[in-house]
Structures are given as structure tokens and as C-alpha cells.
Amino acid sequence: MSTQPVQRELCQPPSPEPRSPNLICPPGTVDCHVHVYGPDSVYPVAETRSFDVPEALPSTLRAVEGVLGVDRVVLVQPSGYGVDNRRHLEAAKEIGMPARVIVALRSTVTKAELEVMHDQGARGVRYNIGHAGAVPISEMPELAGKIADLGWHVQLHVMDDGGRAPLVEMADTLCGLPTDFVIDHVGSIKPGLGLDQPAFQALLRMLETGKCWVKLSCGYRMSALPPPYEDMVPYIKALIECRDDRLVWASDWPHVSFKGVMPNTTDLLDQMLTWVPDVETRHKIFVENPERLYQF
């Protein structure tokens, strides 16, 4: 007998009508961090989730990316599905555009299971700090050893540092992995704390090694300003000066669990005109860098 999932706070949906962008995406542009959700009757959410999300289907995402002018996407396993990766692996086949998938796994996964997921488009594993029910971060080194031969990477999302500085604490562990690693959303830094804040300085040091990649995304979650989030510009400039070949861009659609004024998704593309004014550097971030990272 099937059971209905326990109801939790329902997130606000994304802006329903992305406007036409001012930024013209170069051919091959990759949106490197998006999620899909539903239908719940087919893809039940995990009991460990912190919130519920309105339906956000692959067809809707495809329409959004069409307005933005994006040609390729990276589907990222969200905390709401735990380690059941079916929704995103199957979405990669449904969405009608080249797609890669970042999955969530326990370290007990087998080589055969990894190879099947690789054929389905998986290219990395994600860890979350601050999400209920997240895969234990202690498993990261063992799992990294299993995925290294496939050319996958480890992806880390720091949602809430709990008053600590996880990027500082974890820097040696991350740099010692046998894989590259990706830091989500500019490390969730706090722009009001300045360029010298320990988390951002740790991010720069890791980026400099060449093993670290950083997603230029989620300014709307960090900034105290409206789009294009100009208080983020000094941080983006510093990252570009450090390693512009290790930066990628993402919209983070459908912007789950955001309690502020929901931006139009197009704002999160057009912000790159302000964050990265140089056309050649934007081309690296939109096309060349993600091609290498995600093996498109």
C-alpha cells in the first residue's frame, strides 16, 4: 500500500515567465546547476527533506533554457531526493538537450553501478553541508577513490557553516582527493564580510591549485542588493584573476527554499554582463570550462 509523503513547508515557485535576456549566450552555453521535481507519484521525495518543492518538470526547465538561449544543462541531485537519483538520471533523457547529471551516493556504491550511471550521463557526486539527511561528508575520500577512474568530480555545497568555516577546515581534505572538486555558489560567501574573510581566502587558495572549480551562481541568496548583485563583483573579479579557466556559470533553477523576492531567472543570466564584462572570459565560463569539467 502506498503512503503519501509527509507535508512540509512549500517553497515559493520560480518566476513563471523568464523575460528575453540582454546577454546573448554563445553557442554551446551550459547551465551548470539546475534541478527538476515531480511528479511525486512517480518520484517520491525523501523523508529526510527539509522542505517541499512545487512541481518543476524537465519540460518546464527546457522551456526556460530556451528563453535564456542555453544549449546544455547539468542536472544536480537535490537534498529532497536523498540518494534516489532516478528523477535526474531519467530527466537527462527527457529534457531534449545535451545533459549531464551530478548524483548523491553512499560510499558502498559498486563499480558496476557507477558505470551504469556514467552511461546515463553522471559525471560527479554531490555533498551538502547543512542539509538534513545529507550523505555523510566522512564518506567523501572513499567515494572519490571509486569515481576517479571515470573522470568524475566531487561537488560540495556549503549551505550553513554553523558559525564555523568549513571551506577553511576542509581545504586540505579537498585538495588531497584523487579527483577535481567543485564548490557550489561561490562557496556561499557573505559579501558584507569583505575579501579577506577566511572562507573566501580559502576558496582562492583552493582555486589556485587547479583542482578546484567554482560555480558563479546564487548571487540572489548572498547579496544584499537587487540584480545584478553588484556587491558580488569584487569577489568575482578576484576569482577571475586567480583562475578564469576553473569557473562555470549556473542559474540554480528553480531557486528552491528561497525566502526573499524571487528574481526573474533571466536576471541570473544577465548578471554576468556586470560580473564578467569581458566577452572572451564569459565564453570560457559559459562554454569552454564546462565542456572540460562535465565531459560534453
C-alpha atoms as a PDB file:
ATOM      1  CA  MET A   1       0.000   0.000   0.000  1.00  0.00           C
ATOM      2  CA  SER A   2       1.439   3.389  -1.000  1.00  0.00           C
ATOM      3  CA  THR A   3       1.724   6.197   1.509  1.00  0.00           C
ATOM      4  CA  GLN A   4       1.546   9.921   0.896  1.00  0.00           C
ATOM      5  CA  PRO A   5       4.715  11.910   1.695  1.00  0.00           C
ATOM      6  CA  VAL A   6       4.645  13.973   4.862  1.00  0.00           C
ATOM      7  CA  GLN A   7       3.887  17.607   4.059  1.00  0.00           C
ATOM      8  CA  ARG A   8       6.455  20.273   4.920  1.00  0.00           C
ATOM      9  CA  GLU A   9       6.728  23.961   4.166  1.00  0.00           C
ATOM     10  CA  LEU A  10       6.146  24.513   0.438  1.00  0.00           C
ATOM     11  CA  CYS A  11       8.764  26.617  -1.337  1.00  0.00           C
ATOM     12  CA  GLN A  12       7.719  29.535  -3.481  1.00  0.00           C
ATOM     13  CA  PRO A  13       7.914  28.682  -7.191  1.00  0.00           C
ATOM     14  CA  PRO A  14      10.300  30.381  -9.622  1.00  0.00           C
ATOM     15  CA  SER A  15       9.157  33.342 -11.666  1.00  0.00           C
ATOM     16  CA  PRO A  16       6.784  31.737 -14.195  1.00  0.00           C
ATOM     17  CA  GLU A  17       7.817  33.788 -17.242  1.00  0.00           C
ATOM     18  CA  PRO A  18      11.527  34.406 -17.795  1.00  0.00           C
ATOM     19  CA  ARG A  19      11.963  37.515 -19.925  1.00  0.00           C
ATOM     20  CA  SER A  20      14.145  37.727 -23.011  1.00  0.00           C
ATOM     21  CA  PRO A  21      17.770  38.240 -21.926  1.00  0.00           C
ATOM     22  CA  ASN A  22      20.033  41.155 -22.740  1.00  0.00           C
ATOM     23  CA  LEU A  23      23.001  38.776 -22.780  1.00  0.00           C
ATOM     24  CA  ILE A  24      23.200  36.678 -25.927  1.00  0.00           C
ATOM     25  CA  CYS A  25      24.545  33.271 -24.957  1.00  0.00           C
ATOM     26  CA  PRO A  26      27.343  31.928 -27.145  1.00  0.00           C
ATOM     27  CA  PRO A  27      26.590  28.607 -28.871  1.00  0.00           C
ATOM     28  CA  GLY A  28      27.197  25.688 -26.538  1.00  0.00           C
ATOM     29  CA  THR A  29      26.409  27.576 -23.319  1.00  0.00           C
ATOM     30  CA  VAL A  30      25.971  25.276 -20.313  1.00  0.00           C
ATOM     31  CA  ASP A  31      23.752  25.985 -17.309  1.00  0.00           C
ATOM     32  CA  CYS A  32      25.783  24.062 -14.733  1.00  0.00           C
ATOM     33  CA  HIS A  33      23.327  23.730 -11.845  1.00  0.00           C
ATOM     34  CA  VAL A  34      19.591  23.072 -12.156  1.00  0.00           C
ATOM     35  CA  HIS A  35      17.074  20.749 -10.509  1.00  0.00           C
ATOM     36  CA  VAL A  36      13.808  19.098 -11.519  1.00  0.00           C
ATOM     37  CA  TYR A  37      10.988  17.849  -9.281  1.00  0.00           C
ATOM     38  CA  GLY A  38       7.960  15.648  -9.709  1.00  0.00           C
ATOM     39  CA  PRO A  39       5.577  14.162 -10.279  1.00  0.00           C
ATOM     40  CA  ASP A  40       5.626  12.974  -6.646  1.00  0.00           C
ATOM     41  CA  SER A  41       3.531   9.947  -7.580  1.00  0.00           C
ATOM     42  CA  VAL A  42       6.408   8.700  -9.737  1.00  0.00           C
ATOM     43  CA  TYR A  43       9.408  10.133  -7.879  1.00  0.00           C
ATOM     44  CA  PRO A  44       8.667  10.188  -4.134  1.00  0.00           C
ATOM     45  CA  VAL A  45      10.646  12.651  -2.059  1.00  0.00           C
ATOM     46  CA  ALA A  46      12.804  11.576   0.874  1.00  0.00           C
ATOM     47  CA  GLU A  47      11.502  11.652   4.427  1.00  0.00           C
ATOM     48  CA  THR A  48      14.715  13.468   5.409  1.00  0.00           C
ATOM     49  CA  ARG A  49      13.925  16.513   3.233  1.00  0.00           C
ATOM     50  CA  SER A  50      13.646  19.931   4.873  1.00  0.00           C
ATOM     51  CA  PHE A  51      11.028  21.425   2.542  1.00  0.00           C
ATOM     52  CA  ASP A  52       8.628  20.606  -0.282  1.00  0.00           C
ATOM     53  CA  VAL A  53       9.039  21.969  -3.795  1.00  0.00           C
ATOM     54  CA  PRO A  54       6.347  22.803  -6.361  1.00  0.00           C
ATOM     55  CA  GLU A  55       6.456  20.619  -9.447  1.00  0.00           C
ATOM     56  CA  ALA A  56       9.346  21.623 -11.727  1.00  0.00           C
ATOM     57  CA  LEU A  57       9.357  19.257 -14.680  1.00  0.00           C
ATOM     58  CA  PRO A  58      12.026  18.707 -17.351  1.00  0.00           C
ATOM     59  CA  SER A  59       9.693  20.189 -19.978  1.00  0.00           C
ATOM     60  CA  THR A  60       9.394  23.420 -17.980  1.00  0.00           C
ATOM     61  CA  LEU A  61      13.148  23.605 -17.495  1.00  0.00           C
ATOM     62  CA  ARG A  62      13.657  23.037 -21.216  1.00  0.00           C
ATOM     63  CA  ALA A  63      11.359  25.969 -21.969  1.00  0.00           C
ATOM     64  CA  VAL A  64      13.236  28.224 -19.527  1.00  0.00           C
ATOM     65  CA  GLU A  65      16.592  27.331 -21.055  1.00  0.00           C
ATOM     66  CA  GLY A  66      15.127  28.007 -24.492  1.00  0.00           C
ATOM     67  CA  VAL A  67      14.270  31.573 -23.474  1.00  0.00           C
ATOM     68  CA  LEU A  68      17.740  32.055 -21.982  1.00  0.00           C
ATOM     69  CA  GLY A  69      19.451  30.662 -25.074  1.00  0.00           C
ATOM     70  CA  VAL A  70      21.190  27.863 -23.150  1.00  0.00           C
ATOM     71  CA  ASP A  71      22.117  24.752 -25.161  1.00  0.00           C
ATOM     72  CA  ARG A  72      23.233  22.276 -22.453  1.00  0.00           C
ATOM     73  CA  VAL A  73      22.443  21.622 -18.785  1.00  0.00           C
ATOM     74  CA  VAL A  74      23.812  19.919 -15.688  1.00  0.00           C
ATOM     75  CA  LEU A  75      21.104  18.327 -13.549  1.00  0.00           C
ATOM     76  CA  VAL A  76      22.135  18.286  -9.886  1.00  0.00           C
ATOM     77  CA  GLN A  77      20.664  15.865  -7.351  1.00  0.00           C
ATOM     78  CA  PRO A  78      18.889  17.955  -4.671  1.00  0.00           C
ATOM     79  CA  SER A  79      18.649  17.054  -0.998  1.00  0.00           C
ATOM     80  CA  GLY A  80      14.924  16.370  -1.356  1.00  0.00           C
ATOM     81  CA  TYR A  81      15.545  13.090  -3.190  1.00  0.00           C
ATOM     82  CA  GLY A  82      18.240  11.773  -0.870  1.00  0.00           C
ATOM     83  CA  VAL A  83      20.275   9.145  -2.734  1.00  0.00           C
ATOM     84  CA  ASP A  84      17.428   8.136  -5.074  1.00  0.00           C
ATOM     85  CA  ASN A  85      18.851   9.563  -8.308  1.00  0.00           C
ATOM     86  CA  ARG A  86      16.158   8.296 -10.684  1.00  0.00           C
ATOM     87  CA  ARG A  87      14.428  11.636 -11.238  1.00  0.00           C
ATOM     88  CA  HIS A  88      17.549  13.383 -12.514  1.00  0.00           C
ATOM     89  CA  LEU A  89      19.056  10.471 -14.413  1.00  0.00           C
ATOM     90  CA  GLU A  90      15.766   9.994 -16.241  1.00  0.00           C
ATOM     91  CA  ALA A  91      15.368  13.737 -16.765  1.00  0.00           C
ATOM     92  CA  ALA A  92      18.654  13.706 -18.672  1.00  0.00           C
ATOM     93  CA  LYS A  93      16.919  11.523 -21.274  1.00  0.00           C
ATOM     94  CA  GLU A  94      13.661  13.508 -21.237  1.00  0.00           C
ATOM     95  CA  ILE A  95      14.848  17.076 -21.470  1.00  0.00           C
ATOM     96  CA  GLY A  96      15.667  17.106 -25.167  1.00  0.00           C
ATOM     97  CA  MET A  97      19.076  18.779 -24.919  1.00  0.00           C
ATOM     98  CA  PRO A  98      22.572  17.548 -24.009  1.00  0.00           C
ATOM     99  CA  ALA A  99      22.655  16.949 -20.260  1.00  0.00           C
ATOM    100  CA  ARG A 100      24.937  15.726 -17.515  1.00  0.00           C
ATOM    101  CA  VAL A 101      23.969  14.650 -14.003  1.00  0.00           C
ATOM    102  CA  ILE A 102      25.532  15.099 -10.566  1.00  0.00           C
ATOM    103  CA  VAL A 103      24.334  12.329  -8.247  1.00  0.00           C
ATOM    104  CA  ALA A 104      24.268  11.695  -4.495  1.00  0.00           C
ATOM    105  CA  LEU A 105      25.691   8.338  -3.427  1.00  0.00           C
ATOM    106  CA  ARG A 106      26.837   6.383  -0.424  1.00  0.00           C
ATOM    107  CA  SER A 107      30.379   5.034  -0.458  1.00  0.00           C
ATOM    108  CA  THR A 108      29.033   1.469  -0.726  1.00  0.00           C
ATOM    109  CA  VAL A 109      28.153   2.017  -4.406  1.00  0.00           C
ATOM    110  CA  THR A 110      29.722  -0.581  -6.686  1.00  0.00           C
ATOM    111  CA  LYS A 111      31.905  -0.103  -9.757  1.00  0.00           C
ATOM    112  CA  ALA A 112      29.212  -1.674 -11.926  1.00  0.00           C
ATOM    113  CA  GLU A 113      26.581   0.749 -10.585  1.00  0.00           C
ATOM    114  CA  LEU A 114      28.889   3.694 -11.257  1.00  0.00           C
ATOM    115  CA  GLU A 115      29.487   2.556 -14.825  1.00  0.00           C
ATOM    116  CA  VAL A 116      25.729   2.338 -15.469  1.00  0.00           C
ATOM    117  CA  MET A 117      25.248   5.881 -14.146  1.00  0.00           C
ATOM    118  CA  HIS A 118      28.187   7.102 -16.224  1.00  0.00           C
ATOM    119  CA  ASP A 119      26.433   5.808 -19.347  1.00  0.00           C
ATOM    120  CA  GLN A 120      23.329   7.722 -18.200  1.00  0.00           C
ATOM    121  CA  GLY A 121      25.284  10.981 -18.039  1.00  0.00           C
ATOM    122  CA  ALA A 122      26.519  11.119 -14.446  1.00  0.00           C
ATOM    123  CA  ARG A 123      29.817  12.962 -14.025  1.00  0.00           C
ATOM    124  CA  GLY A 124      30.114  13.739 -10.322  1.00  0.00           C
ATOM    125  CA  VAL A 125      28.864  13.228  -6.780  1.00  0.00           C
ATOM    126  CA  ARG A 126      27.456  15.938  -4.542  1.00  0.00           C
ATOM    127  CA  TYR A 127      27.866  16.559  -0.826  1.00  0.00           C
ATOM    128  CA  ASN A 128      25.881  19.078   1.215  1.00  0.00           C
ATOM    129  CA  ILE A 129      26.815  20.762   4.471  1.00  0.00           C
ATOM    130  CA  GLY A 130      23.763  21.969   6.357  1.00  0.00           C
ATOM    131  CA  HIS A 131      21.085  19.794   4.714  1.00  0.00           C
ATOM    132  CA  ALA A 132      19.093  17.284   6.751  1.00  0.00           C
ATOM    133  CA  GLY A 133      19.702  13.728   5.619  1.00  0.00           C
ATOM    134  CA  ALA A 134      22.747  14.593   3.538  1.00  0.00           C
ATOM    135  CA  VAL A 135      25.284  11.886   2.731  1.00  0.00           C
ATOM    136  CA  PRO A 136      27.945  11.894   5.478  1.00  0.00           C
ATOM    137  CA  ILE A 137      30.887  14.040   4.456  1.00  0.00           C
ATOM    138  CA  SER A 138      33.178  11.468   6.081  1.00  0.00           C
ATOM    139  CA  GLU A 139      32.499   9.155   3.129  1.00  0.00           C
ATOM    140  CA  MET A 140      33.909  11.637   0.616  1.00  0.00           C
ATOM    141  CA  PRO A 141      37.514  10.307   0.375  1.00  0.00           C
ATOM    142  CA  GLU A 142      36.416   6.690  -0.115  1.00  0.00           C
ATOM    143  CA  LEU A 143      33.851   7.572  -2.768  1.00  0.00           C
ATOM    144  CA  ALA A 144      36.277   9.923  -4.532  1.00  0.00           C
ATOM    145  CA  GLY A 145      38.632   6.968  -4.880  1.00  0.00           C
ATOM    146  CA  LYS A 146      35.893   4.967  -6.604  1.00  0.00           C
ATOM    147  CA  ILE A 147      34.916   7.672  -9.109  1.00  0.00           C
ATOM    148  CA  ALA A 148      38.402   8.894 -10.022  1.00  0.00           C
ATOM    149  CA  ASP A 149      38.922   6.411 -12.872  1.00  0.00           C
ATOM    150  CA  LEU A 150      35.706   7.594 -14.515  1.00  0.00           C
ATOM    151  CA  GLY A 151      36.906  11.192 -14.576  1.00  0.00           C
ATOM    152  CA  TRP A 152      34.118  12.310 -12.242  1.00  0.00           C
ATOM    153  CA  HIS A 153      34.497  15.040  -9.644  1.00  0.00           C
ATOM    154  CA  VAL A 154      33.253  15.800  -6.150  1.00  0.00           C
ATOM    155  CA  GLN A 155      30.826  18.694  -5.719  1.00  0.00           C
ATOM    156  CA  LEU A 156      30.359  20.468  -2.383  1.00  0.00           C
ATOM    157  CA  HIS A 157      27.548  22.753  -1.276  1.00  0.00           C
ATOM    158  CA  VAL A 158      28.057  24.697   1.937  1.00  0.00           C
ATOM    159  CA  MET A 159      24.588  25.912   2.920  1.00  0.00           C
ATOM    160  CA  ASP A 160      25.166  26.857   6.547  1.00  0.00           C
ATOM    161  CA  ASP A 161      28.570  26.992   8.207  1.00  0.00           C
ATOM    162  CA  GLY A 162      27.088  26.745  11.704  1.00  0.00           C
ATOM    163  CA  GLY A 163      29.359  29.572  12.822  1.00  0.00           C
ATOM    164  CA  ARG A 164      32.441  27.694  11.601  1.00  0.00           C
ATOM    165  CA  ALA A 165      34.363  27.937   8.342  1.00  0.00           C
ATOM    166  CA  PRO A 166      34.037  24.571   6.556  1.00  0.00           C
ATOM    167  CA  LEU A 167      35.948  25.670   3.463  1.00  0.00           C
ATOM    168  CA  VAL A 168      38.912  26.512   5.677  1.00  0.00           C
ATOM    169  CA  GLU A 169      38.574  23.298   7.685  1.00  0.00           C
ATOM    170  CA  MET A 170      38.160  21.088   4.627  1.00  0.00           C
ATOM    171  CA  ALA A 171      40.717  22.643   2.290  1.00  0.00           C
ATOM    172  CA  ASP A 172      43.436  20.047   2.889  1.00  0.00           C
ATOM    173  CA  THR A 173      40.987  17.146   2.537  1.00  0.00           C
ATOM    174  CA  LEU A 174      39.521  18.528  -0.678  1.00  0.00           C
ATOM    175  CA  CYS A 175      42.888  19.257  -2.246  1.00  0.00           C
ATOM    176  CA  GLY A 176      44.066  15.757  -1.286  1.00  0.00           C
ATOM    177  CA  LEU A 177      41.238  13.985  -3.150  1.00  0.00           C
ATOM    178  CA  PRO A 178      42.177  11.956  -6.241  1.00  0.00           C
ATOM    179  CA  THR A 179      39.580  13.947  -8.212  1.00  0.00           C
ATOM    180  CA  ASP A 180      38.856  17.549  -9.053  1.00  0.00           C
ATOM    181  CA  PHE A 181      36.215  19.215  -6.883  1.00  0.00           C
ATOM    182  CA  VAL A 182      33.566  21.860  -7.479  1.00  0.00           C
ATOM    183  CA  ILE A 183      32.425  24.440  -4.941  1.00  0.00           C
ATOM    184  CA  ASP A 184      28.796  25.454  -5.411  1.00  0.00           C
ATOM    185  CA  HIS A 185      27.558  29.030  -5.420  1.00  0.00           C
ATOM    186  CA  VAL A 186      30.831  30.915  -4.801  1.00  0.00           C
ATOM    187  CA  GLY A 187      31.153  28.978  -1.543  1.00  0.00           C
ATOM    188  CA  SER A 188      28.051  30.727  -0.131  1.00  0.00           C
ATOM    189  CA  ILE A 189      30.297  33.567   0.987  1.00  0.00           C
ATOM    190  CA  LYS A 190      28.929  36.637   2.747  1.00  0.00           C
ATOM    191  CA  PRO A 191      29.836  39.687   0.630  1.00  0.00           C
ATOM    192  CA  GLY A 192      29.405  42.024   3.574  1.00  0.00           C
ATOM    193  CA  LEU A 193      32.404  40.421   5.322  1.00  0.00           C
ATOM    194  CA  GLY A 194      34.927  41.557   2.732  1.00  0.00           C
ATOM    195  CA  LEU A 195      37.537  39.945   0.520  1.00  0.00           C
ATOM    196  CA  ASP A 196      39.697  38.967   3.488  1.00  0.00           C
ATOM    197  CA  GLN A 197      37.063  36.725   5.082  1.00  0.00           C
ATOM    198  CA  PRO A 198      38.638  33.301   5.756  1.00  0.00           C
ATOM    199  CA  ALA A 199      36.159  31.350   3.628  1.00  0.00           C
ATOM    200  CA  PHE A 200      36.860  33.414   0.523  1.00  0.00           C
ATOM    201  CA  GLN A 201      40.617  33.365   1.009  1.00  0.00           C
ATOM    202  CA  ALA A 202      40.437  29.571   1.376  1.00  0.00           C
ATOM    203  CA  LEU A 203      38.410  29.442  -1.838  1.00  0.00           C
ATOM    204  CA  LEU A 204      41.081  31.422  -3.693  1.00  0.00           C
ATOM    205  CA  ARG A 205      43.853  29.167  -2.391  1.00  0.00           C
ATOM    206  CA  MET A 206      41.992  26.051  -3.483  1.00  0.00           C
ATOM    207  CA  LEU A 207      41.143  27.551  -6.867  1.00  0.00           C
ATOM    208  CA  GLU A 208      44.785  28.358  -7.488  1.00  0.00           C
ATOM    209  CA  THR A 209      45.710  24.644  -7.295  1.00  0.00           C
ATOM    210  CA  GLY A 210      43.795  23.872 -10.490  1.00  0.00           C
ATOM    211  CA  LYS A 211      41.899  21.029  -8.789  1.00  0.00           C
ATOM    212  CA  CYS A 212      39.113  23.335  -7.618  1.00  0.00           C
ATOM    213  CA  TRP A 213      36.284  24.721  -9.756  1.00  0.00           C
ATOM    214  CA  VAL A 214      33.800  27.384  -8.621  1.00  0.00           C
ATOM    215  CA  LYS A 215      30.229  27.994  -9.746  1.00  0.00           C
ATOM    216  CA  LEU A 216      29.314  31.633 -10.308  1.00  0.00           C
ATOM    217  CA  SER A 217      25.745  31.313  -9.117  1.00  0.00           C
ATOM    218  CA  CYS A 218      23.225  32.159  -6.409  1.00  0.00           C
ATOM    219  CA  GLY A 219      24.108  35.822  -6.039  1.00  0.00           C
ATOM    220  CA  TYR A 220      20.449  36.287  -5.132  1.00  0.00           C
ATOM    221  CA  ARG A 221      20.976  34.187  -1.996  1.00  0.00           C
ATOM    222  CA  MET A 222      24.123  36.010  -0.853  1.00  0.00           C
ATOM    223  CA  SER A 223      23.752  39.604  -1.987  1.00  0.00           C
ATOM    224  CA  ALA A 224      22.146  42.440  -0.050  1.00  0.00           C
ATOM    225  CA  LEU A 225      21.348  44.175  -3.364  1.00  0.00           C
ATOM    226  CA  PRO A 226      18.890  43.582  -6.221  1.00  0.00           C
ATOM    227  CA  PRO A 227      20.088  42.173  -9.563  1.00  0.00           C
ATOM    228  CA  PRO A 228      22.802  42.280 -10.855  1.00  0.00           C
ATOM    229  CA  TYR A 229      24.099  41.917  -7.266  1.00  0.00           C
ATOM    230  CA  GLU A 230      26.948  44.385  -7.626  1.00  0.00           C
ATOM    231  CA  ASP A 231      28.320  43.683  -4.138  1.00  0.00           C
ATOM    232  CA  MET A 232      29.477  40.337  -5.577  1.00  0.00           C
ATOM    233  CA  VAL A 233      31.626  41.961  -8.288  1.00  0.00           C
ATOM    234  CA  PRO A 234      34.891  42.266  -6.252  1.00  0.00           C
ATOM    235  CA  TYR A 235      34.679  38.560  -5.405  1.00  0.00           C
ATOM    236  CA  ILE A 236      34.032  37.514  -8.994  1.00  0.00           C
ATOM    237  CA  LYS A 237      36.868  39.721 -10.189  1.00  0.00           C
ATOM    238  CA  ALA A 238      39.261  38.100  -7.708  1.00  0.00           C
ATOM    239  CA  LEU A 239      38.204  34.615  -8.830  1.00  0.00           C
ATOM    240  CA  ILE A 240      38.731  35.533 -12.484  1.00  0.00           C
ATOM    241  CA  GLU A 241      42.171  36.949 -11.762  1.00  0.00           C
ATOM    242  CA  CYS A 242      43.045  33.740  -9.929  1.00  0.00           C
ATOM    243  CA  ARG A 243      41.835  31.063 -12.411  1.00  0.00           C
ATOM    244  CA  ASP A 244      39.363  32.046 -15.103  1.00  0.00           C
ATOM    245  CA  ASP A 245      39.769  28.529 -16.537  1.00  0.00           C
ATOM    246  CA  ARG A 246      38.151  26.984 -13.448  1.00  0.00           C
ATOM    247  CA  LEU A 247      34.892  28.960 -13.317  1.00  0.00           C
ATOM    248  CA  VAL A 248      31.443  27.967 -14.583  1.00  0.00           C
ATOM    249  CA  TRP A 249      28.008  29.624 -14.521  1.00  0.00           C
ATOM    250  CA  ALA A 250      24.633  28.346 -13.298  1.00  0.00           C
ATOM    251  CA  SER A 251      21.089  29.632 -12.841  1.00  0.00           C
ATOM    252  CA  ASP A 252      20.174  27.310  -9.919  1.00  0.00           C
ATOM    253  CA  TRP A 253      16.619  26.997 -11.340  1.00  0.00           C
ATOM    254  CA  PRO A 254      14.018  26.574  -9.797  1.00  0.00           C
ATOM    255  CA  HIS A 255      15.592  28.507  -6.870  1.00  0.00           C
ATOM    256  CA  VAL A 256      14.217  26.305  -4.092  1.00  0.00           C
ATOM    257  CA  SER A 257      13.882  27.298  -0.454  1.00  0.00           C
ATOM    258  CA  PHE A 258      14.477  30.976  -1.211  1.00  0.00           C
ATOM    259  CA  LYS A 259      12.527  33.255   1.097  1.00  0.00           C
ATOM    260  CA  GLY A 260      13.377  36.625  -0.429  1.00  0.00           C
ATOM    261  CA  VAL A 261      11.941  38.343  -3.503  1.00  0.00           C
ATOM    262  CA  MET A 262      12.152  35.746  -6.255  1.00  0.00           C
ATOM    263  CA  PRO A 263      14.276  37.012  -9.152  1.00  0.00           C
ATOM    264  CA  ASN A 264      13.317  36.515 -12.748  1.00  0.00           C
ATOM    265  CA  THR A 265      15.553  33.653 -13.850  1.00  0.00           C
ATOM    266  CA  THR A 266      16.824  35.808 -16.706  1.00  0.00           C
ATOM    267  CA  ASP A 267      18.308  38.209 -14.134  1.00  0.00           C
ATOM    268  CA  LEU A 268      20.668  35.399 -13.171  1.00  0.00           C
ATOM    269  CA  LEU A 269      21.974  35.218 -16.721  1.00  0.00           C
ATOM    270  CA  ASP A 270      22.110  38.963 -17.333  1.00  0.00           C
ATOM    271  CA  GLN A 271      24.060  39.475 -14.092  1.00  0.00           C
ATOM    272  CA  MET A 272      27.041  38.070 -15.993  1.00  0.00           C
ATOM    273  CA  LEU A 273      27.214  41.253 -18.075  1.00  0.00           C
ATOM    274  CA  THR A 274      28.146  43.019 -14.837  1.00  0.00           C
ATOM    275  CA  TRP A 275      30.065  40.210 -13.132  1.00  0.00           C
ATOM    276  CA  VAL A 276      32.142  39.262 -16.194  1.00  0.00           C
ATOM    277  CA  PRO A 277      32.163  42.150 -18.690  1.00  0.00           C
ATOM    278  CA  ASP A 278      34.875  40.638 -20.913  1.00  0.00           C
ATOM    279  CA  VAL A 279      33.338  38.618 -23.778  1.00  0.00           C
ATOM    280  CA  GLU A 280      36.233  36.160 -24.106  1.00  0.00           C
ATOM    281  CA  THR A 281      36.221  35.374 -20.392  1.00  0.00           C
ATOM    282  CA  ARG A 282      32.455  34.834 -20.468  1.00  0.00           C
ATOM    283  CA  HIS A 283      32.931  32.397 -23.340  1.00  0.00           C
ATOM    284  CA  LYS A 284      35.320  30.373 -21.200  1.00  0.00           C
ATOM    285  CA  ILE A 285      32.861  30.349 -18.305  1.00  0.00           C
ATOM    286  CA  PHE A 286      29.790  29.553 -20.408  1.00  0.00           C
ATOM    287  CA  VAL A 287      31.240  27.072 -22.903  1.00  0.00           C
ATOM    288  CA  GLU A 288      34.890  26.001 -22.714  1.00  0.00           C
ATOM    289  CA  ASN A 289      35.269  25.363 -18.993  1.00  0.00           C
ATOM    290  CA  PRO A 290      32.080  23.300 -18.531  1.00  0.00           C
ATOM    291  CA  GLU A 291      32.855  21.280 -21.653  1.00  0.00           C
ATOM    292  CA  ARG A 292      36.035  20.050 -19.950  1.00  0.00           C
ATOM    293  CA  LEU A 293      34.577  19.664 -16.477  1.00  0.00           C
ATOM    294  CA  TYR A 294      31.458  17.728 -17.480  1.00  0.00           C
ATOM    295  CA  GLN A 295      32.904  15.868 -20.481  1.00  0.00           C
ATOM    296  CA  PHE A 296      30.357  17.135 -23.005  1.00  0.00           C
END
